[in-house]
Amino acid sequence: MSKHPSSEQLLDLFNWASPGMLVTDADGTVVLANKAATELLRDKAAAGSRLPDILGIDGHDALVKAGTPVENLEATFTNPEFPSGYANVGFGSVDGTTYGFWALRPVTTHPSPSPVPGEGSSTAQAWIDQVDRSSESYTPAGEDAVAFIKAYYDNCPVAIHLIEEDGTVAHANWKDIAIVGASEQPDTYVGRHIHARAIGAAIPLGSVAAQFVASAVARGEAELDHSALLRGVELLSGYDHDLVVRMAGEDGGDMVEDRKAPPEV
C-alpha cells in the first residue's frame, strides 16, 4: 500500500476541504492556498503574502527553528463574518527546502449538526456554505502541487484519513493515527475495518478507535456511513474540530461532499 493517497485524492482533498489549508516558505510567505483559505483571508491568501503577519501570529522565526507542530494559535482573518479563529502549523521539507503547513479554523456561533437551526451569517453552516460557493477567482491546485500536498499530509497537525467503501481505513496520516492511539502500532488501525452508524447503533470494532468514533457520534459531531468511499479531514484542537466527509461511488465518479461542520467554541 502506498504511503499516501493517490495524487487525484490528495488534490481533491486539499482543494475542497473546509479547514483553510496553506503552504508557506521558511519566511512565512504563502506558496499555496486552498479554497477555504481564500474565503478566510480573501486576497491576502495570494502567493507572496506573509501569512504570520496576516494572522497576527508573532514569533514565526522561533516556530520554524523549533520545527515542531503547534496547535491552537489564536489568529485573525479578513473575512468579516469569520474574523477570528485558530491556526495549527507543522514544518517539513520539499526537495530539501523547509516549508510551513498550516490549517486554519474559524470560530463559529452555532454548532452543526444541531436540532435547532442556527441564524446569522457566522454559523458553522454559513461557513460551509462559503467554502462550497463557486468562485471564479479561485484556481484549484494542480499536479505541480502534489509534492507540497504530500508534505502537508505528512507534517501538518490536522488529521486526514481515507476509508474504502467497505469501511477499511486505506490511508491515515500521523495525526489521525495518534488520535486513535495507534502511533506505536499503526497497522492496528490502518488496513482495519471501521463501521459507525447513528447514535444507538452497534459499532463492531474494538480499542481506542471504537471509543473515538463512538464518542464523536454521541456528541452529534459525526454520523459515518461507509456505504461509499469516505475521506475525512479533522482539524483537531483543545477547543473544537472540523470534520469533512467526502464520498464517491464504486465507479470512481464525481465526488459528493457531506460536510459536518464544527461545533461551537
Protein backbone atom coordinates (compact mmCIF):
# COMPACT_ATOMS: atom_id res chain seq x y z
CA MET A 1 0.00 0.00 0.00
CA SER A 2 1.26 3.45 -0.87
CA LYS A 3 2.16 5.74 2.00
CA HIS A 4 -0.04 8.46 0.54
CA PRO A 5 -3.47 8.56 -1.12
CA SER A 6 -3.37 8.97 -4.89
CA SER A 7 -2.48 12.32 -6.43
CA GLU A 8 -6.09 12.78 -7.51
CA GLN A 9 -7.34 12.11 -3.98
CA LEU A 10 -4.80 14.46 -2.42
CA LEU A 11 -5.70 17.27 -4.81
CA ASP A 12 -9.42 16.77 -4.25
CA LEU A 13 -8.88 16.75 -0.50
CA PHE A 14 -6.70 19.85 -0.40
CA ASN A 15 -8.72 21.97 -2.80
CA TRP A 16 -12.15 21.49 -1.25
CA ALA A 17 -11.67 20.73 2.46
CA SER A 18 -13.33 23.16 4.87
CA PRO A 19 -10.27 23.96 7.00
CA GLY A 20 -8.18 26.68 5.44
CA MET A 21 -5.05 24.92 4.20
CA LEU A 22 -1.89 26.81 3.20
CA VAL A 23 1.76 26.13 2.49
CA THR A 24 4.35 28.82 3.25
CA ASP A 25 8.09 29.03 2.77
CA ALA A 26 10.52 29.35 5.68
CA ASP A 27 9.87 33.11 5.81
CA GLY A 28 6.12 32.59 6.16
CA THR A 29 5.34 33.64 2.59
CA VAL A 30 2.32 31.93 1.02
CA VAL A 31 3.17 29.38 -1.68
CA LEU A 32 -0.14 27.51 -1.92
CA ALA A 33 -3.67 28.01 -0.54
CA ASN A 34 -6.95 26.09 -0.83
CA LYS A 35 -10.46 27.44 -1.44
CA ALA A 36 -11.29 27.69 2.28
CA ALA A 37 -8.15 29.75 2.90
CA THR A 38 -9.17 32.21 0.19
CA GLU A 39 -12.58 32.57 1.87
CA LEU A 40 -10.99 33.30 5.26
CA LEU A 41 -8.23 35.59 4.03
CA ARG A 42 -9.58 36.86 0.70
CA ASP A 43 -6.80 38.30 -1.49
CA LYS A 44 -4.33 38.03 1.39
CA ALA A 45 -4.18 34.27 0.75
CA ALA A 46 -2.47 35.00 -2.56
CA ALA A 47 1.02 33.70 -3.22
CA GLY A 48 3.60 36.15 -1.91
CA SER A 49 1.62 37.27 1.15
CA ARG A 50 3.29 36.85 4.54
CA LEU A 51 0.89 34.62 6.46
CA PRO A 52 2.02 35.13 10.10
CA ASP A 53 1.57 38.90 9.75
CA ILE A 54 -1.90 38.44 8.26
CA LEU A 55 -2.93 36.08 11.05
CA GLY A 56 -1.41 38.25 13.79
CA ILE A 57 0.90 35.45 14.92
CA ASP A 58 4.20 36.53 16.47
CA GLY A 59 7.41 34.53 16.78
CA HIS A 60 7.25 32.76 13.45
CA ASP A 61 11.03 32.51 13.16
CA ALA A 62 11.15 30.72 16.53
CA LEU A 63 8.44 28.32 15.40
CA VAL A 64 10.41 27.44 12.27
CA LYS A 65 13.59 26.98 14.28
CA ALA A 66 11.86 24.66 16.75
CA GLY A 67 10.38 22.70 13.85
CA THR A 68 7.69 21.02 15.96
CA PRO A 69 3.93 21.09 15.28
CA VAL A 70 1.99 23.81 17.09
CA GLU A 71 -1.77 23.89 17.63
CA ASN A 72 -4.41 26.42 18.68
CA LEU A 73 -2.57 29.61 17.84
CA GLU A 74 -5.08 32.46 18.05
CA ALA A 75 -5.50 34.02 14.61
CA THR A 76 -7.34 36.87 12.91
CA PHE A 77 -8.91 36.57 9.48
CA THR A 78 -10.01 39.02 6.79
CA ASN A 79 -13.50 37.53 6.40
CA PRO A 80 -15.97 39.89 8.18
CA GLU A 81 -18.34 37.05 9.11
CA PHE A 82 -15.48 34.95 10.49
CA PRO A 83 -12.88 37.42 11.77
CA SER A 84 -11.09 35.13 14.21
CA GLY A 85 -10.17 31.54 14.91
CA TYR A 86 -7.22 29.23 15.38
CA ALA A 87 -4.23 28.04 13.41
CA ASN A 88 -2.27 24.80 13.53
CA VAL A 89 1.11 24.61 11.84
CA GLY A 90 3.78 21.99 11.21
CA PHE A 91 7.07 22.13 9.33
CA GLY A 92 8.80 19.85 6.87
CA SER A 93 10.77 19.84 3.66
CA VAL A 94 10.09 19.52 -0.05
CA ASP A 95 13.17 18.85 -2.19
CA GLY A 96 15.39 19.83 0.72
CA THR A 97 13.71 23.20 1.35
CA THR A 98 11.78 23.96 4.56
CA TYR A 99 8.08 24.87 4.36
CA GLY A 100 5.27 25.53 6.82
CA PHE A 101 1.98 23.64 6.56
CA TRP A 102 -1.00 25.49 8.03
CA ALA A 103 -4.59 24.60 8.92
CA LEU A 104 -6.99 27.43 9.82
CA ARG A 105 -10.34 27.12 11.61
CA PRO A 106 -12.78 29.99 12.15
CA VAL A 107 -14.79 30.45 15.31
CA THR A 108 -18.49 29.91 14.56
CA THR A 109 -21.60 30.90 16.51
CA HIS A 110 -23.75 27.82 16.17
CA PRO A 111 -22.94 24.10 16.08
CA SER A 112 -23.87 21.83 13.22
CA PRO A 113 -25.50 19.35 13.12
CA SER A 114 -27.97 20.69 15.67
CA PRO A 115 -31.67 20.15 16.45
CA VAL A 116 -32.15 23.93 16.36
CA PRO A 117 -31.30 25.78 13.14
CA GLY A 118 -28.72 28.48 13.51
CA GLU A 119 -29.35 32.04 12.45
CA GLY A 120 -26.99 34.70 11.20
CA SER A 121 -24.00 34.89 8.91
CA SER A 122 -21.37 33.36 11.21
CA THR A 123 -22.82 29.93 11.95
CA ALA A 124 -20.93 26.75 11.19
CA GLN A 125 -23.28 26.03 8.29
CA ALA A 126 -22.73 29.53 6.93
CA TRP A 127 -19.00 28.79 6.87
CA ILE A 128 -19.54 25.54 4.98
CA ASP A 129 -21.74 27.40 2.50
CA GLN A 130 -18.99 29.95 1.90
CA VAL A 131 -16.46 27.21 1.19
CA ASP A 132 -18.89 25.48 -1.16
CA ARG A 133 -19.89 28.53 -3.17
CA SER A 134 -18.40 28.95 -6.61
CA SER A 135 -15.57 31.41 -7.12
CA GLU A 136 -14.12 32.50 -10.42
CA SER A 137 -11.08 33.89 -8.60
CA TYR A 138 -10.03 30.54 -7.10
CA THR A 139 -7.89 28.27 -9.26
CA PRO A 140 -7.64 24.74 -7.82
CA ALA A 141 -4.17 23.36 -7.16
CA GLY A 142 -2.93 21.05 -9.91
CA GLU A 143 -0.41 18.27 -10.41
CA ASP A 144 2.51 20.62 -9.77
CA ALA A 145 1.26 20.99 -6.19
CA VAL A 146 1.17 17.27 -5.33
CA ALA A 147 4.64 17.23 -3.73
CA PHE A 148 3.57 20.05 -1.42
CA ILE A 149 0.28 18.34 -0.54
CA LYS A 150 2.09 15.09 0.28
CA ALA A 151 4.35 17.06 2.62
CA TYR A 152 1.24 18.74 4.06
CA TYR A 153 -0.25 15.29 4.72
CA ASP A 154 2.96 14.24 6.47
CA ASN A 155 3.62 17.34 8.56
CA CYS A 156 0.55 19.46 9.30
CA PRO A 157 -1.14 18.74 12.66
CA VAL A 158 -4.50 18.07 11.02
CA ALA A 159 -5.98 14.56 10.95
CA ILE A 160 -6.57 13.07 7.50
CA HIS A 161 -7.96 9.64 6.66
CA LEU A 162 -9.30 7.83 3.63
CA ILE A 163 -11.76 4.99 4.15
CA GLU A 164 -12.73 2.48 1.47
CA GLU A 165 -16.30 1.54 0.58
CA ASP A 166 -16.24 -1.50 2.86
CA GLY A 167 -15.18 0.59 5.86
CA THR A 168 -11.48 -0.27 5.71
CA VAL A 169 -9.09 2.55 6.62
CA ALA A 170 -6.97 2.75 3.48
CA HIS A 171 -4.82 5.70 4.49
CA ALA A 172 -4.33 7.80 7.62
CA ASN A 173 -1.72 10.41 8.40
CA TRP A 174 0.27 10.63 11.64
CA LYS A 175 -2.21 12.94 13.36
CA ASP A 176 -5.18 10.73 12.64
CA ILE A 177 -3.27 7.66 13.81
CA ALA A 178 -2.28 9.48 17.01
CA ILE A 179 -5.91 10.40 17.74
CA VAL A 180 -6.97 6.76 17.85
CA GLY A 181 -3.95 5.79 19.97
CA ALA A 182 -2.27 3.71 17.29
CA SER A 183 1.03 5.56 16.92
CA GLU A 184 3.04 2.61 18.25
CA GLN A 185 1.19 0.08 16.10
CA PRO A 186 -0.44 1.86 13.14
CA ASP A 187 -1.36 -1.44 11.50
CA THR A 188 -3.94 -1.93 14.25
CA TYR A 189 -5.84 0.98 12.64
CA VAL A 190 -4.74 1.37 9.02
CA GLY A 191 -5.96 -1.58 6.97
CA ARG A 192 -8.63 -2.45 9.51
CA HIS A 193 -12.40 -2.13 9.19
CA ILE A 194 -14.43 0.57 10.89
CA HIS A 195 -18.21 0.82 10.71
CA ALA A 196 -20.13 3.53 12.53
CA ARG A 197 -23.77 4.42 12.40
CA ALA A 198 -26.13 6.82 14.11
CA ILE A 199 -26.48 7.09 17.88
CA GLY A 200 -27.52 3.82 19.49
CA ALA A 201 -26.34 1.52 16.71
CA ALA A 202 -23.68 -1.08 17.25
CA ILE A 203 -20.11 -0.24 16.29
CA PRO A 204 -18.30 -3.56 15.71
CA LEU A 205 -14.69 -2.67 16.39
CA GLY A 206 -12.53 -2.57 19.45
CA SER A 207 -9.88 -0.48 21.19
CA VAL A 208 -9.43 3.26 21.17
CA ALA A 209 -10.62 3.64 17.58
CA ALA A 210 -14.09 2.45 18.55
CA GLN A 211 -14.17 4.77 21.54
CA PHE A 212 -13.15 7.73 19.40
CA VAL A 213 -15.76 7.13 16.71
CA ALA A 214 -18.47 6.33 19.24
CA SER A 215 -17.80 9.47 21.26
CA ALA A 216 -17.85 11.61 18.11
CA VAL A 217 -21.22 10.16 17.12
CA ALA A 218 -22.60 10.52 20.65
CA ARG A 219 -21.66 14.21 20.64
CA GLY A 220 -23.50 14.66 17.36
CA GLU A 221 -20.31 15.64 15.60
CA ALA A 222 -20.21 12.86 13.03
CA GLU A 223 -22.54 10.29 11.55
CA LEU A 224 -20.48 7.98 9.38
CA ASP A 225 -21.84 5.58 6.80
CA HIS A 226 -19.29 3.56 4.86
CA SER A 227 -21.60 2.50 2.05
CA ALA A 228 -19.43 4.76 -0.12
CA LEU A 229 -15.85 5.88 -0.17
CA LEU A 230 -15.23 8.22 2.74
CA ARG A 231 -12.43 10.70 3.10
CA GLY A 232 -12.14 12.59 6.31
CA VAL A 233 -10.23 15.59 7.47
CA GLU A 234 -10.34 16.68 11.05
CA LEU A 235 -8.87 19.88 12.33
CA LEU A 236 -8.38 19.00 15.97
CA SER A 237 -7.66 21.26 18.88
CA GLY A 238 -8.32 21.61 22.56
CA TYR A 239 -11.46 23.50 21.70
CA ASP A 240 -13.11 22.04 18.68
CA HIS A 241 -12.72 20.12 15.47
CA ASP A 242 -13.87 20.28 11.90
CA LEU A 243 -14.86 17.10 10.07
CA VAL A 244 -15.08 16.81 6.32
CA VAL A 245 -16.55 13.63 4.83
CA ARG A 246 -16.15 13.05 1.09
CA MET A 247 -17.94 10.25 -0.71
CA ALA A 248 -17.62 8.61 -4.11
CA GLY A 249 -19.24 5.60 -5.72
CA GLU A 250 -17.56 2.38 -6.78
CA ASP A 251 -17.12 3.65 -10.30
CA GLY A 252 -14.89 6.46 -9.05
CA GLY A 253 -17.31 9.08 -10.35
CA ASP A 254 -17.72 12.66 -9.28
CA MET A 255 -17.21 13.44 -5.62
CA VAL A 256 -20.21 14.30 -3.48
CA GLU A 257 -19.32 16.04 -0.27
CA ASP A 258 -21.21 15.84 3.02
CA ARG A 259 -19.54 18.19 5.47
CA LYS A 260 -20.16 18.02 9.18
CA ALA A 261 -19.35 21.50 10.40
CA PRO A 262 -17.57 22.21 13.68
CA PRO A 263 -19.42 22.58 16.99
CA GLU A 264 -19.39 25.99 18.59
CA VAL A 265 -16.46 27.07 20.76
